[in-house]
C-alpha atoms as a PDB file:
ATOM      1  CA  UNK A   1     177.914  54.673 131.249  1.00  0.00           C
ATOM      2  CA  UNK A   2     178.402  58.179 132.881  1.00  0.00           C
ATOM      3  CA  UNK A   3     177.985  58.296 136.886  1.00  0.00           C
ATOM      4  CA  UNK A   4     176.818  62.057 136.374  1.00  0.00           C
ATOM      5  CA  UNK A   5     173.633  62.511 138.379  1.00  0.00           C
ATOM      6  CA  UNK A   6     170.652  63.660 136.650  1.00  0.00           C
ATOM      7  CA  UNK A   7     169.697  67.600 137.432  1.00  0.00           C
ATOM      8  CA  UNK A   8     166.890  67.724 139.450  1.00  0.00           C
ATOM      9  CA  UNK A   9     164.226  70.725 139.599  1.00  0.00           C
ATOM     10  CA  UNK A  10     164.782  73.191 142.479  1.00  0.00           C
ATOM     11  CA  UNK A  11     163.228  72.049 145.948  1.00  0.00           C
ATOM     12  CA  UNK A  12     162.711  68.661 144.664  1.00  0.00           C
ATOM     13  CA  UNK A  13     164.292  67.325 147.783  1.00  0.00           C
ATOM     14  CA  UNK A  14     161.779  68.727 150.267  1.00  0.00           C
ATOM     15  CA  UNK A  15     159.155  66.407 152.049  1.00  0.00           C
ATOM     16  CA  UNK A  16     155.531  66.579 151.101  1.00  0.00           C
ATOM     17  CA  UNK A  17     154.863  67.349 154.819  1.00  0.00           C
ATOM     18  CA  UNK A  18     156.381  70.655 154.435  1.00  0.00           C
ATOM     19  CA  UNK A  19     153.986  71.684 151.694  1.00  0.00           C
ATOM     20  CA  UNK A  20     150.669  70.498 153.426  1.00  0.00           C
ATOM     21  CA  UNK A  21     148.637  73.466 153.179  1.00  0.00           C
ATOM     22  CA  UNK A  22     145.280  74.434 154.451  1.00  0.00           C
ATOM     23  CA  UNK A  23     142.605  76.436 152.692  1.00  0.00           C
ATOM     24  CA  UNK A  24     142.482  78.992 155.612  1.00  0.00           C
ATOM     25  CA  UNK A  25     146.104  79.975 154.675  1.00  0.00           C
ATOM     26  CA  UNK A  26     145.288  81.652 151.303  1.00  0.00           C
ATOM     27  CA  UNK A  27     143.752  84.914 150.216  1.00  0.00           C
ATOM     28  CA  UNK A  28     143.747  86.979 147.169  1.00  0.00           C
ATOM     29  CA  UNK A  29     145.745  87.821 145.554  1.00  0.00           C
ATOM     30  CA  UNK A  30     147.726  84.847 144.868  1.00  0.00           C
ATOM     31  CA  UNK A  31     150.130  83.616 147.633  1.00  0.00           C
ATOM     32  CA  UNK A  32     153.307  82.172 146.942  1.00  0.00           C
ATOM     33  CA  UNK A  33     154.202  78.525 148.122  1.00  0.00           C
ATOM     34  CA  UNK A  34     155.855  75.558 147.255  1.00  0.00           C
ATOM     35  CA  UNK A  35     153.855  72.307 146.370  1.00  0.00           C
ATOM     36  CA  UNK A  36     154.505  68.674 145.465  1.00  0.00           C
ATOM     37  CA  UNK A  37     153.530  67.690 141.979  1.00  0.00           C
ATOM     38  CA  UNK A  38     151.561  65.056 143.251  1.00  0.00           C
ATOM     39  CA  UNK A  39     149.342  67.535 145.132  1.00  0.00           C
ATOM     40  CA  UNK A  40     148.412  69.332 141.780  1.00  0.00           C
ATOM     41  CA  UNK A  41     145.508  68.806 139.531  1.00  0.00           C
ATOM     42  CA  UNK A  42     145.748  69.668 136.074  1.00  0.00           C
ATOM     43  CA  UNK A  43     144.273  68.514 132.309  1.00  0.00           C
ATOM     44  CA  UNK A  44     140.969  70.519 133.096  1.00  0.00           C
ATOM     45  CA  UNK A  45     138.749  70.941 130.291  1.00  0.00           C
ATOM     46  CA  UNK A  46     139.523  74.435 129.467  1.00  0.00           C
ATOM     47  CA  UNK A  47     143.344  73.898 129.093  1.00  0.00           C
ATOM     48  CA  UNK A  48     145.019  72.817 126.054  1.00  0.00           C
ATOM     49  CA  UNK A  49     146.721  69.354 125.912  1.00  0.00           C
ATOM     50  CA  UNK A  50     150.261  68.936 126.955  1.00  0.00           C
ATOM     51  CA  UNK A  51     152.326  68.453 123.987  1.00  0.00           C
ATOM     52  CA  UNK A  52     155.665  66.153 124.381  1.00  0.00           C
ATOM     53  CA  UNK A  53     157.252  68.350 121.722  1.00  0.00           C
ATOM     54  CA  UNK A  54     156.766  71.322 123.569  1.00  0.00           C
ATOM     55  CA  UNK A  55     158.115  69.576 126.821  1.00  0.00           C
ATOM     56  CA  UNK A  56     161.301  68.715 125.098  1.00  0.00           C
ATOM     57  CA  UNK A  57     161.662  72.138 123.937  1.00  0.00           C
ATOM     58  CA  UNK A  58     161.202  73.591 127.349  1.00  0.00           C
ATOM     59  CA  UNK A  59     163.731  71.020 128.890  1.00  0.00           C
ATOM     60  CA  UNK A  60     166.401  71.738 125.839  1.00  0.00           C
ATOM     61  CA  UNK A  61     166.493  75.396 126.982  1.00  0.00           C
ATOM     62  CA  UNK A  62     165.804  74.815 130.698  1.00  0.00           C
ATOM     63  CA  UNK A  63     167.471  77.350 133.234  1.00  0.00           C
ATOM     64  CA  UNK A  64     166.177  77.090 136.847  1.00  0.00           C
ATOM     65  CA  UNK A  65     166.965  80.845 137.267  1.00  0.00           C
ATOM     66  CA  UNK A  66     164.143  81.452 134.791  1.00  0.00           C
ATOM     67  CA  UNK A  67     161.585  79.024 136.538  1.00  0.00           C
ATOM     68  CA  UNK A  68     158.232  81.331 137.257  1.00  0.00           C
ATOM     69  CA  UNK A  69     155.726  80.249 139.759  1.00  0.00           C
ATOM     70  CA  UNK A  70     152.739  78.085 138.685  1.00  0.00           C
ATOM     71  CA  UNK A  71     149.514  79.834 138.836  1.00  0.00           C
ATOM     72  CA  UNK A  72     147.047  77.517 140.640  1.00  0.00           C
ATOM     73  CA  UNK A  73     143.645  77.770 142.127  1.00  0.00           C
ATOM     74  CA  UNK A  74     142.809  76.017 145.112  1.00  0.00           C
ATOM     75  CA  UNK A  75     138.771  75.025 144.935  1.00  0.00           C
ATOM     76  CA  UNK A  76     137.044  72.445 146.317  1.00  0.00           C
ATOM     77  CA  UNK A  77     139.951  70.925 148.462  1.00  0.00           C
ATOM     78  CA  UNK A  78     141.895  70.466 145.179  1.00  0.00           C
ATOM     79  CA  UNK A  79     145.033  72.522 143.883  1.00  0.00           C
ATOM     80  CA  UNK A  80     143.961  73.039 140.252  1.00  0.00           C
ATOM     81  CA  UNK A  81     146.755  74.141 137.775  1.00  0.00           C
ATOM     82  CA  UNK A  82     145.579  77.150 135.910  1.00  0.00           C
ATOM     83  CA  UNK A  83     149.028  77.872 134.159  1.00  0.00           C
ATOM     84  CA  UNK A  84     151.939  75.839 134.182  1.00  0.00           C
ATOM     85  CA  UNK A  85     151.186  72.129 132.863  1.00  0.00           C
ATOM     86  CA  UNK A  86     154.353  72.052 130.467  1.00  0.00           C
ATOM     87  CA  UNK A  87     156.478  73.170 133.171  1.00  0.00           C
ATOM     88  CA  UNK A  88     155.600  70.207 135.555  1.00  0.00           C
ATOM     89  CA  UNK A  89     155.745  67.892 132.885  1.00  0.00           C
ATOM     90  CA  UNK A  90     159.277  69.126 131.999  1.00  0.00           C
ATOM     91  CA  UNK A  91     160.301  68.858 135.616  1.00  0.00           C
ATOM     92  CA  UNK A  92     159.039  65.816 136.416  1.00  0.00           C
ATOM     93  CA  UNK A  93     160.812  64.392 133.270  1.00  0.00           C
ATOM     94  CA  UNK A  94     163.984  65.685 134.333  1.00  0.00           C
ATOM     95  CA  UNK A  95     163.375  63.911 137.697  1.00  0.00           C
ATOM     96  CA  UNK A  96     163.070  60.638 135.877  1.00  0.00           C
ATOM     97  CA  UNK A  97     159.143  60.824 136.355  1.00  0.00           C
ATOM     98  CA  UNK A  98     159.201  61.215 139.884  1.00  0.00           C
ATOM     99  CA  UNK A  99     157.411  63.551 142.166  1.00  0.00           C
ATOM    100  CA  UNK A 100     159.078  67.439 142.409  1.00  0.00           C
ATOM    101  CA  UNK A 101     158.507  70.382 144.361  1.00  0.00           C
ATOM    102  CA  UNK A 102     157.505  73.267 142.432  1.00  0.00           C
ATOM    103  CA  UNK A 103     156.926  77.129 143.281  1.00  0.00           C
ATOM    104  CA  UNK A 104     153.211  78.268 143.094  1.00  0.00           C
ATOM    105  CA  UNK A 105     151.055  81.414 143.365  1.00  0.00           C
ATOM    106  CA  UNK A 106     147.993  80.078 144.873  1.00  0.00           C
ATOM    107  CA  UNK A 107     144.362  81.851 144.452  1.00  0.00           C
ATOM    108  CA  UNK A 108     141.372  80.926 146.345  1.00  0.00           C
ATOM    109  CA  UNK A 109     137.916  82.067 145.840  1.00  0.00           C
ATOM    110  CA  UNK A 110     137.784  81.402 142.091  1.00  0.00           C
ATOM    111  CA  UNK A 111     135.213  79.396 140.193  1.00  0.00           C
ATOM    112  CA  UNK A 112     135.806  76.832 137.392  1.00  0.00           C
ATOM    113  CA  UNK A 113     134.467  79.747 135.022  1.00  0.00           C
ATOM    114  CA  UNK A 114     136.957  82.296 136.632  1.00  0.00           C
ATOM    115  CA  UNK A 115     139.801  79.663 136.186  1.00  0.00           C
ATOM    116  CA  UNK A 116     139.102  79.511 132.634  1.00  0.00           C
ATOM    117  CA  UNK A 117     139.071  83.218 131.962  1.00  0.00           C
ATOM    118  CA  UNK A 118     142.433  83.514 133.889  1.00  0.00           C
ATOM    119  CA  UNK A 119     143.800  80.674 132.155  1.00  0.00           C
ATOM    120  CA  UNK A 120     142.621  82.334 128.700  1.00  0.00           C
ATOM    121  CA  UNK A 121     144.157  85.811 129.815  1.00  0.00           C
ATOM    122  CA  UNK A 122     147.364  84.249 130.807  1.00  0.00           C
ATOM    123  CA  UNK A 123     147.819  82.262 127.750  1.00  0.00           C
ATOM    124  CA  UNK A 124     146.831  85.013 125.384  1.00  0.00           C
ATOM    125  CA  UNK A 125     149.355  87.547 126.834  1.00  0.00           C
ATOM    126  CA  UNK A 126     151.871  84.967 126.107  1.00  0.00           C
ATOM    127  CA  UNK A 127     150.706  84.274 122.716  1.00  0.00           C
ATOM    128  CA  UNK A 128     150.640  80.545 122.952  1.00  0.00           C
ATOM    129  CA  UNK A 129     147.125  79.550 122.489  1.00  0.00           C
ATOM    130  CA  UNK A 130     145.854  78.222 119.163  1.00  0.00           C
ATOM    131  CA  UNK A 131     142.437  79.856 118.287  1.00  0.00           C
ATOM    132  CA  UNK A 132     140.818  76.595 118.938  1.00  0.00           C
ATOM    133  CA  UNK A 133     142.163  76.353 122.497  1.00  0.00           C
ATOM    134  CA  UNK A 134     141.569  80.013 123.083  1.00  0.00           C
ATOM    135  CA  UNK A 135     138.033  79.587 122.084  1.00  0.00           C
ATOM    136  CA  UNK A 136     137.553  76.505 124.014  1.00  0.00           C
ATOM    137  CA  UNK A 137     138.803  78.454 127.172  1.00  0.00           C
ATOM    138  CA  UNK A 138     136.488  81.291 126.636  1.00  0.00           C
ATOM    139  CA  UNK A 139     133.499  78.748 126.175  1.00  0.00           C
ATOM    140  CA  UNK A 140     134.349  77.149 129.581  1.00  0.00           C
ATOM    141  CA  UNK A 141     134.784  80.463 131.128  1.00  0.00           C
ATOM    142  CA  UNK A 142     131.268  81.587 129.921  1.00  0.00           C
ATOM    143  CA  UNK A 143     132.276  85.224 129.450  1.00  0.00           C
ATOM    144  CA  UNK A 144     132.411  85.754 125.845  1.00  0.00           C
ATOM    145  CA  UNK A 145     128.872  86.220 124.627  1.00  0.00           C
ATOM    146  CA  UNK A 146     129.657  85.475 120.941  1.00  0.00           C
ATOM    147  CA  UNK A 147     131.561  82.172 121.197  1.00  0.00           C
ATOM    148  CA  UNK A 148     128.692  81.095 123.684  1.00  0.00           C
ATOM    149  CA  UNK A 149     126.007  81.962 120.814  1.00  0.00           C
ATOM    150  CA  UNK A 150     127.776  80.535 118.015  1.00  0.00           C
ATOM    151  CA  UNK A 151     128.048  77.046 120.147  1.00  0.00           C
ATOM    152  CA  UNK A 152     124.327  77.347 120.816  1.00  0.00           C
ATOM    153  CA  UNK A 153     123.370  77.937 117.112  1.00  0.00           C
ATOM    154  CA  UNK A 154     125.959  75.236 116.009  1.00  0.00           C
ATOM    155  CA  UNK A 155     124.536  72.738 118.527  1.00  0.00           C
ATOM    156  CA  UNK A 156     120.674  73.800 117.811  1.00  0.00           C
ATOM    157  CA  UNK A 157     121.438  72.976 113.905  1.00  0.00           C
ATOM    158  CA  UNK A 158     122.817  69.341 114.863  1.00  0.00           C
ATOM    159  CA  UNK A 159     126.454  70.177 114.389  1.00  0.00           C
ATOM    160  CA  UNK A 160     129.405  69.695 116.890  1.00  0.00           C
ATOM    161  CA  UNK A 161     131.585  72.401 117.377  1.00  0.00           C
ATOM    162  CA  UNK A 162     135.171  70.779 118.028  1.00  0.00           C
ATOM    163  CA  UNK A 163     137.847  72.458 119.658  1.00  0.00           C
ATOM    164  CA  UNK A 164     140.158  69.663 120.985  1.00  0.00           C
ATOM    165  CA  UNK A 165     140.054  66.348 119.744  1.00  0.00           C
ATOM    166  CA  UNK A 166     138.070  65.197 116.563  1.00  0.00           C
ATOM    167  CA  UNK A 167     136.530  61.802 116.198  1.00  0.00           C
ATOM    168  CA  UNK A 168     136.123  62.049 112.411  1.00  0.00           C
ATOM    169  CA  UNK A 169     132.377  61.626 112.431  1.00  0.00           C
ATOM    170  CA  UNK A 170     129.780  63.689 110.381  1.00  0.00           C
ATOM    171  CA  UNK A 171     128.827  67.015 111.494  1.00  0.00           C
ATOM    172  CA  UNK A 172     131.864  67.924 113.254  1.00  0.00           C
ATOM    173  CA  UNK A 173     133.043  71.448 112.618  1.00  0.00           C
ATOM    174  CA  UNK A 174     136.811  71.856 113.016  1.00  0.00           C
ATOM    175  CA  UNK A 175     137.433  75.291 111.277  1.00  0.00           C
ATOM    176  CA  UNK A 176     137.233  77.583 114.263  1.00  0.00           C
ATOM    177  CA  UNK A 177     138.055  80.832 112.456  1.00  0.00           C
ATOM    178  CA  UNK A 178     136.062  80.158 109.510  1.00  0.00           C
ATOM    179  CA  UNK A 179     132.704  79.484 111.565  1.00  0.00           C
ATOM    180  CA  UNK A 180     133.400  82.527 113.734  1.00  0.00           C
ATOM    181  CA  UNK A 181     133.898  84.569 110.362  1.00  0.00           C
ATOM    182  CA  UNK A 182     130.706  83.284 109.049  1.00  0.00           C
ATOM    183  CA  UNK A 183     128.911  84.415 112.180  1.00  0.00           C
ATOM    184  CA  UNK A 184     130.195  87.728 112.148  1.00  0.00           C
ATOM    185  CA  UNK A 185     129.493  88.149 108.370  1.00  0.00           C
ATOM    186  CA  UNK A 186     126.210  86.836 108.649  1.00  0.00           C
ATOM    187  CA  UNK A 187     124.564  87.465 112.010  1.00  0.00           C
ATOM    188  CA  UNK A 188     122.456  84.699 113.803  1.00  0.00           C
ATOM    189  CA  UNK A 189     119.501  84.363 111.844  1.00  0.00           C
ATOM    190  CA  UNK A 190     121.377  83.768 108.421  1.00  0.00           C
ATOM    191  CA  UNK A 191     124.232  82.036 110.243  1.00  0.00           C
ATOM    192  CA  UNK A 192     121.608  79.214 111.382  1.00  0.00           C
ATOM    193  CA  UNK A 193     120.139  79.311 107.721  1.00  0.00           C
ATOM    194  CA  UNK A 194     123.735  78.594 106.776  1.00  0.00           C
ATOM    195  CA  UNK A 195     124.042  75.706 108.865  1.00  0.00           C
ATOM    196  CA  UNK A 196     120.489  74.251 107.760  1.00  0.00           C
ATOM    197  CA  UNK A 197     121.643  74.517 103.704  1.00  0.00           C
ATOM    198  CA  UNK A 198     124.818  72.766 104.848  1.00  0.00           C
ATOM    199  CA  UNK A 199     122.987  70.091 106.634  1.00  0.00           C
ATOM    200  CA  UNK A 200     120.259  69.608 103.888  1.00  0.00           C
ATOM    201  CA  UNK A 201     122.710  69.575 100.955  1.00  0.00           C
ATOM    202  CA  UNK A 202     125.585  67.408 102.198  1.00  0.00           C
ATOM    203  CA  UNK A 203     124.281  65.916 105.260  1.00  0.00           C
ATOM    204  CA  UNK A 204     127.441  67.125 107.687  1.00  0.00           C
ATOM    205  CA  UNK A 205     129.938  65.332 105.348  1.00  0.00           C
ATOM    206  CA  UNK A 206     133.414  66.367 106.775  1.00  0.00           C
ATOM    207  CA  UNK A 207     134.559  67.729 103.319  1.00  0.00           C
ATOM    208  CA  UNK A 208     131.486  70.180 103.342  1.00  0.00           C
ATOM    209  CA  UNK A 209     132.485  71.587 106.623  1.00  0.00           C
ATOM    210  CA  UNK A 210     136.193  72.540 105.714  1.00  0.00           C
ATOM    211  CA  UNK A 211     137.169  76.251 106.076  1.00  0.00           C
ATOM    212  CA  UNK A 212     137.110  76.744 102.512  1.00  0.00           C
ATOM    213  CA  UNK A 213     133.503  75.737 102.126  1.00  0.00           C
ATOM    214  CA  UNK A 214     132.370  77.660 105.185  1.00  0.00           C
ATOM    215  CA  UNK A 215     134.003  80.737 103.940  1.00  0.00           C
ATOM    216  CA  UNK A 216     132.429  80.400 100.448  1.00  0.00           C
ATOM    217  CA  UNK A 217     129.276  79.382 101.668  1.00  0.00           C
ATOM    218  CA  UNK A 218     129.078  82.426 103.879  1.00  0.00           C
ATOM    219  CA  UNK A 219     130.052  84.859 101.473  1.00  0.00           C
ATOM    220  CA  UNK A 220     127.491  83.425  98.770  1.00  0.00           C
ATOM    221  CA  UNK A 221     124.729  83.382 101.203  1.00  0.00           C
ATOM    222  CA  UNK A 222     125.644  87.126 102.344  1.00  0.00           C
ATOM    223  CA  UNK A 223     125.654  88.165  98.704  1.00  0.00           C
ATOM    224  CA  UNK A 224     122.557  86.369  97.767  1.00  0.00           C
ATOM    225  CA  UNK A 225     120.760  86.538 101.047  1.00  0.00           C
ATOM    226  CA  UNK A 226     117.269  88.011  99.633  1.00  0.00           C
ATOM    227  CA  UNK A 227     117.456  86.350  96.055  1.00  0.00           C
ATOM    228  CA  UNK A 228     118.274  82.706  97.052  1.00  0.00           C
ATOM    229  CA  UNK A 229     115.740  79.749  96.877  1.00  0.00           C
ATOM    230  CA  UNK A 230     116.942  77.477  99.651  1.00  0.00           C
ATOM    231  CA  UNK A 231     114.951  74.507  98.133  1.00  0.00           C
ATOM    232  CA  UNK A 232     116.575  75.265  94.573  1.00  0.00           C
ATOM    233  CA  UNK A 233     119.900  75.404  96.192  1.00  0.00           C
ATOM    234  CA  UNK A 234     119.639  72.088  98.109  1.00  0.00           C
ATOM    235  CA  UNK A 235     118.259  70.402  94.975  1.00  0.00           C
ATOM    236  CA  UNK A 236     121.031  71.696  92.695  1.00  0.00           C
ATOM    237  CA  UNK A 237     124.163  71.564  94.967  1.00  0.00           C
ATOM    238  CA  UNK A 238     123.190  68.421  96.597  1.00  0.00           C
ATOM    239  CA  UNK A 239     124.418  66.939  93.129  1.00  0.00           C
ATOM    240  CA  UNK A 240     127.765  68.733  93.441  1.00  0.00           C
ATOM    241  CA  UNK A 241     130.575  66.897  95.446  1.00  0.00           C
ATOM    242  CA  UNK A 242     132.111  69.521  97.745  1.00  0.00           C
ATOM    243  CA  UNK A 243     135.691  68.161  96.719  1.00  0.00           C
ATOM    244  CA  UNK A 244     134.933  69.534  93.290  1.00  0.00           C
ATOM    245  CA  UNK A 245     134.064  73.133  94.777  1.00  0.00           C
ATOM    246  CA  UNK A 246     137.173  73.049  96.836  1.00  0.00           C
ATOM    247  CA  UNK A 247     139.307  71.682  93.843  1.00  0.00           C
ATOM    248  CA  UNK A 248     137.846  74.410  91.633  1.00  0.00           C
ATOM    249  CA  UNK A 249     138.167  77.270  93.849  1.00  0.00           C
ATOM    250  CA  UNK A 250     141.981  76.355  94.520  1.00  0.00           C
ATOM    251  CA  UNK A 251     142.564  76.689  90.817  1.00  0.00           C
ATOM    252  CA  UNK A 252     141.146  80.310  90.761  1.00  0.00           C
ATOM    253  CA  UNK A 253     144.098  82.765  90.740  1.00  0.00           C
ATOM    254  CA  UNK A 254     142.166  85.740  89.668  1.00  0.00           C
ATOM    255  CA  UNK A 255     141.976  86.947  93.412  1.00  0.00           C
ATOM    256  CA  UNK A 256     143.555  86.636  96.804  1.00  0.00           C
ATOM    257  CA  UNK A 257     140.482  86.598  98.339  1.00  0.00           C
ATOM    258  CA  UNK A 258     139.707  82.810  99.415  1.00  0.00           C
ATOM    259  CA  UNK A 259     136.183  83.249 100.301  1.00  0.00           C
ATOM    260  CA  UNK A 260     135.583  84.521  96.812  1.00  0.00           C
ATOM    261  CA  UNK A 261     137.220  81.990  95.104  1.00  0.00           C
ATOM    262  CA  UNK A 262     134.853  79.211  96.589  1.00  0.00           C
ATOM    263  CA  UNK A 263     131.804  81.498  96.607  1.00  0.00           C
ATOM    264  CA  UNK A 264     132.281  81.759  92.886  1.00  0.00           C
ATOM    265  CA  UNK A 265     132.324  78.248  92.218  1.00  0.00           C
ATOM    266  CA  UNK A 266     129.081  77.962  94.175  1.00  0.00           C
ATOM    267  CA  UNK A 267     127.303  80.424  92.313  1.00  0.00           C
ATOM    268  CA  UNK A 268     128.479  78.652  88.986  1.00  0.00           C
ATOM    269  CA  UNK A 269     127.091  75.190  90.240  1.00  0.00           C
ATOM    270  CA  UNK A 270     123.794  76.884  91.279  1.00  0.00           C
ATOM    271  CA  UNK A 271     123.064  78.453  87.958  1.00  0.00           C
ATOM    272  CA  UNK A 272     124.271  75.519  85.960  1.00  0.00           C
ATOM    273  CA  UNK A 273     123.107  72.240  87.749  1.00  0.00           C
ATOM    274  CA  UNK A 274     119.351  72.610  86.431  1.00  0.00           C
ATOM    275  CA  UNK A 275     118.437  73.749  82.769  1.00  0.00           C
ATOM    276  CA  UNK A 276     115.750  76.745  82.597  1.00  0.00           C
ATOM    277  CA  UNK A 277     116.146  77.157  86.346  1.00  0.00           C
ATOM    278  CA  UNK A 278     116.177  80.659  87.582  1.00  0.00           C
ATOM    279  CA  UNK A 279     119.695  81.746  87.570  1.00  0.00           C
ATOM    280  CA  UNK A 280     121.474  84.542  89.788  1.00  0.00           C
ATOM    281  CA  UNK A 281     123.321  87.370  88.264  1.00  0.00           C
ATOM    282  CA  UNK A 282     126.997  87.706  89.396  1.00  0.00           C
ATOM    283  CA  UNK A 283     126.990  90.029  92.279  1.00  0.00           C
ATOM    284  CA  UNK A 284     130.325  89.739  94.215  1.00  0.00           C
ATOM    285  CA  UNK A 285     132.526  92.478  94.635  1.00  0.00           C
ATOM    286  CA  UNK A 286     135.958  91.464  92.890  1.00  0.00           C
END
């Protein structure tokens, strides 16, 4: 077995006493200081989870010379890590899980919402956030009127907009891009109508809330907004398995517009599920 010592992150030999800091030492803009990792609080709701795979990739290409300071907010007596969770995890793993000293850029006077906004802007500039994580950060920051309104309407209709960990329960909307696009296409009132139709027809079944169904339903409702009878839709489509709509839509190779593929199937099912009922004409563009 090799006796070679494991590399330790820079500054890990310093004592915690050297890093005890008081609130009065800070002022904006951020002040550079070294802190012990056990002084730092992370895992706040606006942050994406630490992914072990990302930590391992960071370690594999680690270079002490490229280490940038963590962005930290000193709020309510705690040092909250705004940006740098994966760097901390990598440094601690290289130190066999022990406490390490890390360079930080510390801000004071930030509210929780301002921390969330700063987190979003920092990670957005690096292109690291998935849309769901970026949206969650925006919601926590309270700065984006659109995502706040979407969340309000989703919850008012009895659904849950899941941007992090799903439970697998009914009424969970996981498709962030599809639900945002549906809101932008329909506007608030018709978006709420869409949610009511989804609830009344398929009762929040997970498969009915997939991106393909959401995009197809949004285009269908946008196209037939003034002609569609909601009660007829619910009666006719409740007899149709959303899985069949998705399967049929995927088999349509006549267009590269995904929403159109599924909207066409929904129209077909609406027109054929009840004999003698009023049918809708084909009005899609494409």
